PDB file of all heavy atoms in Angstrom:
ATOM      1  N   VAL A   1     111.559  97.063 100.650  1.00  0.00           N
ATOM      2  CA  VAL A   1     112.703  96.937 101.554  1.00  0.00           C
ATOM      3  C   VAL A   1     112.692  95.577 102.252  1.00  0.00           C
ATOM      4  O   VAL A   1     113.739  94.917 102.377  1.00  0.00           O
ATOM      5  CB  VAL A   1     112.709  98.087 102.578  1.00  0.00           C
ATOM      6  CG1 VAL A   1     113.806  97.873 103.620  1.00  0.00           C
ATOM      7  CG2 VAL A   1     112.911  99.426 101.873  1.00  0.00           C
ATOM      8  N   GLU A   2     111.526  95.133 102.696  1.00  0.00           N
ATOM      9  CA  GLU A   2     111.444  93.827 103.359  1.00  0.00           C
ATOM     10  C   GLU A   2     111.904  92.715 102.427  1.00  0.00           C
ATOM     11  O   GLU A   2     112.665  91.822 102.839  1.00  0.00           O
ATOM     12  CB  GLU A   2     110.015  93.576 103.821  1.00  0.00           C
ATOM     13  CG  GLU A   2     109.573  94.433 104.997  1.00  0.00           C
ATOM     14  CD  GLU A   2     108.120  94.239 105.363  1.00  0.00           C
ATOM     15  OE1 GLU A   2     107.385  93.554 104.593  1.00  0.00           O
ATOM     16  OE2 GLU A   2     107.688  94.767 106.400  1.00  0.00           O
ATOM     17  N   GLU A   3     111.455  92.754 101.181  1.00  0.00           N
ATOM     18  CA  GLU A   3     111.835  91.704 100.232  1.00  0.00           C
ATOM     19  C   GLU A   3     113.324  91.794  99.895  1.00  0.00           C
ATOM     20  O   GLU A   3     114.005  90.772  99.763  1.00  0.00           O
ATOM     21  CB  GLU A   3     110.996  91.813  98.956  1.00  0.00           C
ATOM     22  CG  GLU A   3     111.127  90.642  98.011  1.00  0.00           C
ATOM     23  CD  GLU A   3     110.567  89.352  98.580  1.00  0.00           C
ATOM     24  OE1 GLU A   3     109.564  89.405  99.329  1.00  0.00           O
ATOM     25  OE2 GLU A   3     111.122  88.274  98.257  1.00  0.00           O
ATOM     26  N   ALA A   4     113.840  93.017  99.748  1.00  0.00           N
ATOM     27  CA  ALA A   4     115.265  93.176  99.463  1.00  0.00           C
ATOM     28  C   ALA A   4     116.112  92.629 100.606  1.00  0.00           C
ATOM     29  O   ALA A   4     117.078  91.886 100.388  1.00  0.00           O
ATOM     30  CB  ALA A   4     115.587  94.650  99.212  1.00  0.00           C
ATOM     31  N   HIS A   5     115.760  92.987 101.835  1.00  0.00           N
ATOM     32  CA  HIS A   5     116.522  92.496 102.982  1.00  0.00           C
ATOM     33  C   HIS A   5     116.431  90.977 103.094  1.00  0.00           C
ATOM     34  O   HIS A   5     117.412  90.320 103.484  1.00  0.00           O
ATOM     35  CB  HIS A   5     116.026  93.167 104.255  1.00  0.00           C
ATOM     36  CG  HIS A   5     116.411  94.614 104.363  1.00  0.00           C
ATOM     37  ND1 HIS A   5     115.956  95.453 105.360  1.00  0.00           N
ATOM     38  CD2 HIS A   5     117.238  95.385 103.592  1.00  0.00           C
ATOM     39  CE1 HIS A   5     116.470  96.657 105.196  1.00  0.00           C
ATOM     40  NE2 HIS A   5     117.251  96.645 104.126  1.00  0.00           N
ATOM     41  N   ALA A   6     115.275  90.407 102.756  1.00  0.00           N
ATOM     42  CA  ALA A   6     115.139  88.948 102.779  1.00  0.00           C
ATOM     43  C   ALA A   6     116.059  88.281 101.763  1.00  0.00           C
ATOM     44  O   ALA A   6     116.433  87.114 101.930  1.00  0.00           O
ATOM     45  CB  ALA A   6     113.687  88.555 102.514  1.00  0.00           C
ATOM     46  N   ASN A   7     116.426  89.036 100.712  1.00  0.00           N
ATOM     47  CA  ASN A   7     117.342  88.525  99.689  1.00  0.00           C
ATOM     48  C   ASN A   7     118.773  89.026  99.892  1.00  0.00           C
ATOM     49  O   ASN A   7     119.599  88.904  98.987  1.00  0.00           O
ATOM     50  CB  ASN A   7     116.844  88.930  98.302  1.00  0.00           C
ATOM     51  CG  ASN A   7     115.675  88.098  97.821  1.00  0.00           C
ATOM     52  OD1 ASN A   7     115.870  87.042  97.197  1.00  0.00           O
ATOM     53  ND2 ASN A   7     114.454  88.536  98.106  1.00  0.00           N
ATOM     54  N   GLY A   8     119.054  89.583 101.069  1.00  0.00           N
ATOM     55  CA  GLY A   8     120.406  90.024 101.382  1.00  0.00           C
ATOM     56  C   GLY A   8     120.855  91.265 100.658  1.00  0.00           C
ATOM     57  O   GLY A   8     122.059  91.473 100.470  1.00  0.00           O
ATOM     58  N   LEU A   9     119.910  92.134 100.255  1.00  0.00           N
ATOM     59  CA  LEU A   9     120.237  93.315  99.479  1.00  0.00           C
ATOM     60  C   LEU A   9     119.963  94.583 100.273  1.00  0.00           C
ATOM     61  O   LEU A   9     118.909  94.733 100.893  1.00  0.00           O
ATOM     62  CB  LEU A   9     119.404  93.352  98.183  1.00  0.00           C
ATOM     63  CG  LEU A   9     119.666  92.219  97.189  1.00  0.00           C
ATOM     64  CD1 LEU A   9     118.625  92.241  96.080  1.00  0.00           C
ATOM     65  CD2 LEU A   9     121.069  92.325  96.608  1.00  0.00           C
ATOM     66  N   LYS A  10     120.905  95.518 100.242  1.00  0.00           N
ATOM     67  CA  LYS A  10     120.700  96.839 100.809  1.00  0.00           C
ATOM     68  C   LYS A  10     119.808  97.663  99.881  1.00  0.00           C
ATOM     69  O   LYS A  10     119.732  97.412  98.672  1.00  0.00           O
ATOM     70  CB  LYS A  10     122.036  97.565 100.989  1.00  0.00           C
ATOM     71  CG  LYS A  10     122.996  96.902 101.964  1.00  0.00           C
ATOM     72  CD  LYS A  10     122.602  97.183 103.399  1.00  0.00           C
ATOM     73  CE  LYS A  10     123.647  96.698 104.360  1.00  0.00           C
ATOM     74  NZ  LYS A  10     123.286  96.973 105.766  1.00  0.00           N
ATOM     75  N   VAL A  11     119.158  98.695 100.447  1.00  0.00           N
ATOM     76  CA  VAL A  11     118.290  99.576  99.661  1.00  0.00           C
ATOM     77  C   VAL A  11     118.702 101.021  99.894  1.00  0.00           C
ATOM     78  O   VAL A  11     118.787 101.481 101.034  1.00  0.00           O
ATOM     79  CB  VAL A  11     116.812  99.395 100.034  1.00  0.00           C
ATOM     80  CG1 VAL A  11     115.925 100.381  99.248  1.00  0.00           C
ATOM     81  CG2 VAL A  11     116.352  97.966  99.770  1.00  0.00           C
ATOM     82  N   ALA A  12     118.968 101.735  98.798  1.00  0.00           N
ATOM     83  CA  ALA A  12     119.189 103.179  98.832  1.00  0.00           C
ATOM     84  C   ALA A  12     118.023 103.856  98.141  1.00  0.00           C
ATOM     85  O   ALA A  12     117.482 103.328  97.156  1.00  0.00           O
ATOM     86  CB  ALA A  12     120.495 103.547  98.129  1.00  0.00           C
ATOM     87  N   THR A  13     117.604 105.021  98.645  1.00  0.00           N
ATOM     88  CA  THR A  13     116.485 105.715  98.022  1.00  0.00           C
ATOM     89  C   THR A  13     116.887 107.107  97.556  1.00  0.00           C
ATOM     90  O   THR A  13     117.684 107.791  98.192  1.00  0.00           O
ATOM     91  CB  THR A  13     115.285 105.867  98.980  1.00  0.00           C
ATOM     92  OG1 THR A  13     115.683 106.615 100.123  1.00  0.00           O
ATOM     93  CG2 THR A  13     114.753 104.523  99.399  1.00  0.00           C
ATOM     94  N   HIS A  14     116.291 107.505  96.423  1.00  0.00           N
ATOM     95  CA  HIS A  14     116.292 108.902  96.001  1.00  0.00           C
ATOM     96  C   HIS A  14     115.159 109.564  96.776  1.00  0.00           C
ATOM     97  O   HIS A  14     113.983 109.422  96.443  1.00  0.00           O
ATOM     98  CB  HIS A  14     116.051 108.996  94.493  1.00  0.00           C
ATOM     99  CG  HIS A  14     115.867 110.402  93.996  1.00  0.00           C
ATOM    100  ND1 HIS A  14     116.815 111.050  93.244  1.00  0.00           N
ATOM    101  CD2 HIS A  14     114.851 111.287  94.144  1.00  0.00           C
ATOM    102  CE1 HIS A  14     116.391 112.261  92.949  1.00  0.00           C
ATOM    103  NE2 HIS A  14     115.183 112.435  93.490  1.00  0.00           N
ATOM    104  N   THR A  15     115.518 110.255  97.848  1.00  0.00           N
ATOM    105  CA  THR A  15     114.549 110.914  98.726  1.00  0.00           C
ATOM    106  C   THR A  15     115.056 112.326  98.980  1.00  0.00           C
ATOM    107  O   THR A  15     116.176 112.505  99.448  1.00  0.00           O
ATOM    108  CB  THR A  15     114.410 110.161 100.059  1.00  0.00           C
ATOM    109  OG1 THR A  15     113.999 108.816  99.792  1.00  0.00           O
ATOM    110  CG2 THR A  15     113.375 110.823 100.954  1.00  0.00           C
ATOM    111  N   VAL A  16     114.231 113.333  98.673  1.00  0.00           N
ATOM    112  CA  VAL A  16     114.694 114.719  98.752  1.00  0.00           C
ATOM    113  C   VAL A  16     113.741 115.610  99.551  1.00  0.00           C
ATOM    114  O   VAL A  16     113.945 116.824  99.603  1.00  0.00           O
ATOM    115  CB  VAL A  16     114.915 115.312  97.336  1.00  0.00           C
ATOM    116  CG1 VAL A  16     116.113 114.653  96.668  1.00  0.00           C
ATOM    117  CG2 VAL A  16     113.681 115.146  96.466  1.00  0.00           C
ATOM    118  N   THR A  17     112.708 115.026 100.174  1.00  0.00           N
ATOM    119  CA  THR A  17     111.792 115.806 101.001  1.00  0.00           C
ATOM    120  C   THR A  17     111.746 115.214 102.402  1.00  0.00           C
ATOM    121  O   THR A  17     111.948 114.008 102.601  1.00  0.00           O
ATOM    122  CB  THR A  17     110.373 115.822 100.414  1.00  0.00           C
ATOM    123  OG1 THR A  17     109.884 114.489 100.304  1.00  0.00           O
ATOM    124  CG2 THR A  17     110.345 116.498  99.052  1.00  0.00           C
ATOM    125  N   ALA A  18     111.452 116.076 103.379  1.00  0.00           N
ATOM    126  CA  ALA A  18     111.461 115.648 104.773  1.00  0.00           C
ATOM    127  C   ALA A  18     110.375 114.612 105.055  1.00  0.00           C
ATOM    128  O   ALA A  18     110.612 113.645 105.792  1.00  0.00           O
ATOM    129  CB  ALA A  18     111.289 116.870 105.682  1.00  0.00           C
ATOM    130  N   GLU A  19     109.198 114.805 104.504  1.00  0.00           N
ATOM    131  CA  GLU A  19     108.123 113.852 104.776  1.00  0.00           C
ATOM    132  C   GLU A  19     108.498 112.452 104.329  1.00  0.00           C
ATOM    133  O   GLU A  19     108.348 111.476 105.079  1.00  0.00           O
ATOM    134  CB  GLU A  19     106.839 114.288 104.065  1.00  0.00           C
ATOM    135  CG  GLU A  19     105.673 113.316 104.291  1.00  0.00           C
ATOM    136  CD  GLU A  19     104.449 113.664 103.476  1.00  0.00           C
ATOM    137  OE1 GLU A  19     104.594 114.189 102.357  1.00  0.00           O
ATOM    138  OE2 GLU A  19     103.333 113.389 103.963  1.00  0.00           O
ATOM    139  N   ARG A  20     109.026 112.345 103.126  1.00  0.00           N
ATOM    140  CA  ARG A  20     109.342 111.012 102.605  1.00  0.00           C
ATOM    141  C   ARG A  20     110.638 110.469 103.207  1.00  0.00           C
ATOM    142  O   ARG A  20     110.867 109.263 103.188  1.00  0.00           O
ATOM    143  CB  ARG A  20     109.369 111.048 101.081  1.00  0.00           C
ATOM    144  CG  ARG A  20     107.960 111.236 100.527  1.00  0.00           C
ATOM    145  CD  ARG A  20     107.877 111.160  99.016  1.00  0.00           C
ATOM    146  NE  ARG A  20     106.483 111.218  98.612  1.00  0.00           N
ATOM    147  CZ  ARG A  20     105.787 112.336  98.411  1.00  0.00           C
ATOM    148  NH1 ARG A  20     106.377 113.514  98.581  1.00  0.00           N
ATOM    149  NH2 ARG A  20     104.521 112.290  98.049  1.00  0.00           N
ATOM    150  N   ALA A  21     111.472 111.334 103.750  1.00  0.00           N
ATOM    151  CA  ALA A  21     112.612 110.834 104.527  1.00  0.00           C
ATOM    152  C   ALA A  21     112.107 110.094 105.761  1.00  0.00           C
ATOM    153  O   ALA A  21     112.650 109.040 106.136  1.00  0.00           O
ATOM    154  CB  ALA A  21     113.527 111.981 104.931  1.00  0.00           C
ATOM    155  N   GLY A  22     111.065 110.623 106.385  1.00  0.00           N
ATOM    156  CA  GLY A  22     110.456 109.916 107.505  1.00  0.00           C
ATOM    157  C   GLY A  22     109.895 108.576 107.083  1.00  0.00           C
ATOM    158  O   GLY A  22     110.042 107.572 107.798  1.00  0.00           O
ATOM    159  N   TRP A  23     109.251 108.537 105.923  1.00  0.00           N
ATOM    160  CA  TRP A  23     108.750 107.262 105.410  1.00  0.00           C
ATOM    161  C   TRP A  23     109.903 106.281 105.195  1.00  0.00           C
ATOM    162  O   TRP A  23     109.771 105.086 105.476  1.00  0.00           O
ATOM    163  CB  TRP A  23     108.031 107.472 104.079  1.00  0.00           C
ATOM    164  CG  TRP A  23     106.758 108.251 104.155  1.00  0.00           C
ATOM    165  CD1 TRP A  23     106.181 108.781 105.274  1.00  0.00           C
ATOM    166  CD2 TRP A  23     105.911 108.587 103.058  1.00  0.00           C
ATOM    167  NE1 TRP A  23     105.022 109.432 104.937  1.00  0.00           N
ATOM    168  CE2 TRP A  23     104.824 109.326 103.582  1.00  0.00           C
ATOM    169  CE3 TRP A  23     105.941 108.348 101.695  1.00  0.00           C
ATOM    170  CZ2 TRP A  23     103.805 109.828 102.789  1.00  0.00           C
ATOM    171  CZ3 TRP A  23     104.926 108.832 100.888  1.00  0.00           C
ATOM    172  CH2 TRP A  23     103.864 109.560 101.423  1.00  0.00           C
ATOM    173  N   ALA A  24     111.030 106.786 104.655  1.00  0.00           N
ATOM    174  CA  ALA A  24     112.188 105.913 104.415  1.00  0.00           C
ATOM    175  C   ALA A  24     112.687 105.314 105.722  1.00  0.00           C
ATOM    176  O   ALA A  24     113.038 104.134 105.790  1.00  0.00           O
ATOM    177  CB  ALA A  24     113.302 106.698 103.720  1.00  0.00           C
ATOM    178  N   GLY A  25     112.737 106.133 106.780  1.00  0.00           N
ATOM    179  CA  GLY A  25     113.154 105.607 108.071  1.00  0.00           C
ATOM    180  C   GLY A  25     112.201 104.538 108.579  1.00  0.00           C
ATOM    181  O   GLY A  25     112.643 103.489 109.079  1.00  0.00           O
ATOM    182  N   GLU A  26     110.909 104.775 108.459  1.00  0.00           N
ATOM    183  CA  GLU A  26     109.922 103.785 108.910  1.00  0.00           C
ATOM    184  C   GLU A  26     110.038 102.485 108.120  1.00  0.00           C
ATOM    185  O   GLU A  26     109.812 101.397 108.663  1.00  0.00           O
ATOM    186  CB  GLU A  26     108.517 104.354 108.773  1.00  0.00           C
ATOM    187  CG  GLU A  26     108.193 105.431 109.804  1.00  0.00           C
ATOM    188  CD  GLU A  26     106.752 105.888 109.708  1.00  0.00           C
ATOM    189  OE1 GLU A  26     106.078 105.568 108.699  1.00  0.00           O
ATOM    190  OE2 GLU A  26     106.288 106.565 110.647  1.00  0.00           O
ATOM    191  N   ALA A  27     110.381 102.598 106.840  1.00  0.00           N
ATOM    192  CA  ALA A  27     110.518 101.404 105.997  1.00  0.00           C
ATOM    193  C   ALA A  27     111.851 100.698 106.195  1.00  0.00           C
ATOM    194  O   ALA A  27     112.075  99.642 105.616  1.00  0.00           O
ATOM    195  CB  ALA A  27     110.365 101.791 104.523  1.00  0.00           C
ATOM    196  N   LYS A  28     112.731 101.294 107.018  1.00  0.00           N
ATOM    197  CA  LYS A  28     114.063 100.743 107.286  1.00  0.00           C
ATOM    198  C   LYS A  28     114.946 100.734 106.036  1.00  0.00           C
ATOM    199  O   LYS A  28     115.733  99.803 105.800  1.00  0.00           O
ATOM    200  CB  LYS A  28     113.978  99.353 107.922  1.00  0.00           C
ATOM    201  CG  LYS A  28     113.367  99.384 109.323  1.00  0.00           C
ATOM    202  CD  LYS A  28     113.346  98.009 109.955  1.00  0.00           C
ATOM    203  CE  LYS A  28     112.960  98.093 111.437  1.00  0.00           C
ATOM    204  NZ  LYS A  28     111.737  98.881 111.710  1.00  0.00           N
ATOM    205  N   VAL A  29     114.817 101.787 105.223  1.00  0.00           N
ATOM    206  CA  VAL A  29     115.736 102.007 104.112  1.00  0.00           C
ATOM    207  C   VAL A  29     117.155 102.129 104.673  1.00  0.00           C
ATOM    208  O   VAL A  29     117.377 102.760 105.712  1.00  0.00           O
ATOM    209  CB  VAL A  29     115.334 103.282 103.342  1.00  0.00           C
ATOM    210  CG1 VAL A  29     116.467 103.782 102.461  1.00  0.00           C
ATOM    211  CG2 VAL A  29     114.081 103.019 102.524  1.00  0.00           C
ATOM    212  N   ASP A  30     118.113 101.532 103.984  1.00  0.00           N
ATOM    213  CA  ASP A  30     119.494 101.533 104.480  1.00  0.00           C
ATOM    214  C   ASP A  30     120.198 102.867 104.268  1.00  0.00           C
ATOM    215  O   ASP A  30     121.016 103.279 105.099  1.00  0.00           O
ATOM    216  CB  ASP A  30     120.293 100.417 103.798  1.00  0.00           C
ATOM    217  CG  ASP A  30     119.709  99.051 104.082  1.00  0.00           C
ATOM    218  OD1 ASP A  30     119.837  98.585 105.229  1.00  0.00           O
ATOM    219  OD2 ASP A  30     119.093  98.467 103.169  1.00  0.00           O
ATOM    220  N   LEU A  31     119.910 103.536 103.145  1.00  0.00           N
ATOM    221  CA  LEU A  31     120.679 104.729 102.783  1.00  0.00           C
ATOM    222  C   LEU A  31     119.794 105.701 102.020  1.00  0.00           C
ATOM    223  O   LEU A  31     119.176 105.324 101.014  1.00  0.00           O
ATOM    224  CB  LEU A  31     121.873 104.336 101.907  1.00  0.00           C
ATOM    225  CG  LEU A  31     122.707 105.472 101.295  1.00  0.00           C
ATOM    226  CD1 LEU A  31     123.516 106.172 102.371  1.00  0.00           C
ATOM    227  CD2 LEU A  31     123.624 104.920 100.197  1.00  0.00           C
ATOM    228  N   ILE A  32     119.704 106.940 102.490  1.00  0.00           N
ATOM    229  CA  ILE A  32     119.127 108.016 101.685  1.00  0.00           C
ATOM    230  C   ILE A  32     120.258 108.604 100.868  1.00  0.00           C
ATOM    231  O   ILE A  32     121.261 109.079 101.418  1.00  0.00           O
ATOM    232  CB  ILE A  32     118.457 109.077 102.565  1.00  0.00           C
ATOM    233  CG1 ILE A  32     117.181 108.491 103.191  1.00  0.00           C
ATOM    234  CG2 ILE A  32     118.128 110.323 101.759  1.00  0.00           C
ATOM    235  CD1 ILE A  32     116.451 109.446 104.107  1.00  0.00           C
ATOM    236  N   ALA A  33     120.108 108.571  99.547  1.00  0.00           N
ATOM    237  CA  ALA A  33     121.222 108.879  98.649  1.00  0.00           C
ATOM    238  C   ALA A  33     121.147 110.285  98.071  1.00  0.00           C
ATOM    239  O   ALA A  33     121.701 110.549  97.006  1.00  0.00           O
ATOM    240  CB  ALA A  33     121.273 107.850  97.522  1.00  0.00           C
TER     241      ALA A  33
END
């Protein structure tokens, strides 16, 4: 996510569990898809 944002790119994740949704938030993922 850090590298994508440095290149002006949004990041969406395939995330379907609560634990990894928390990880996505911590990583500053733009969109849980």
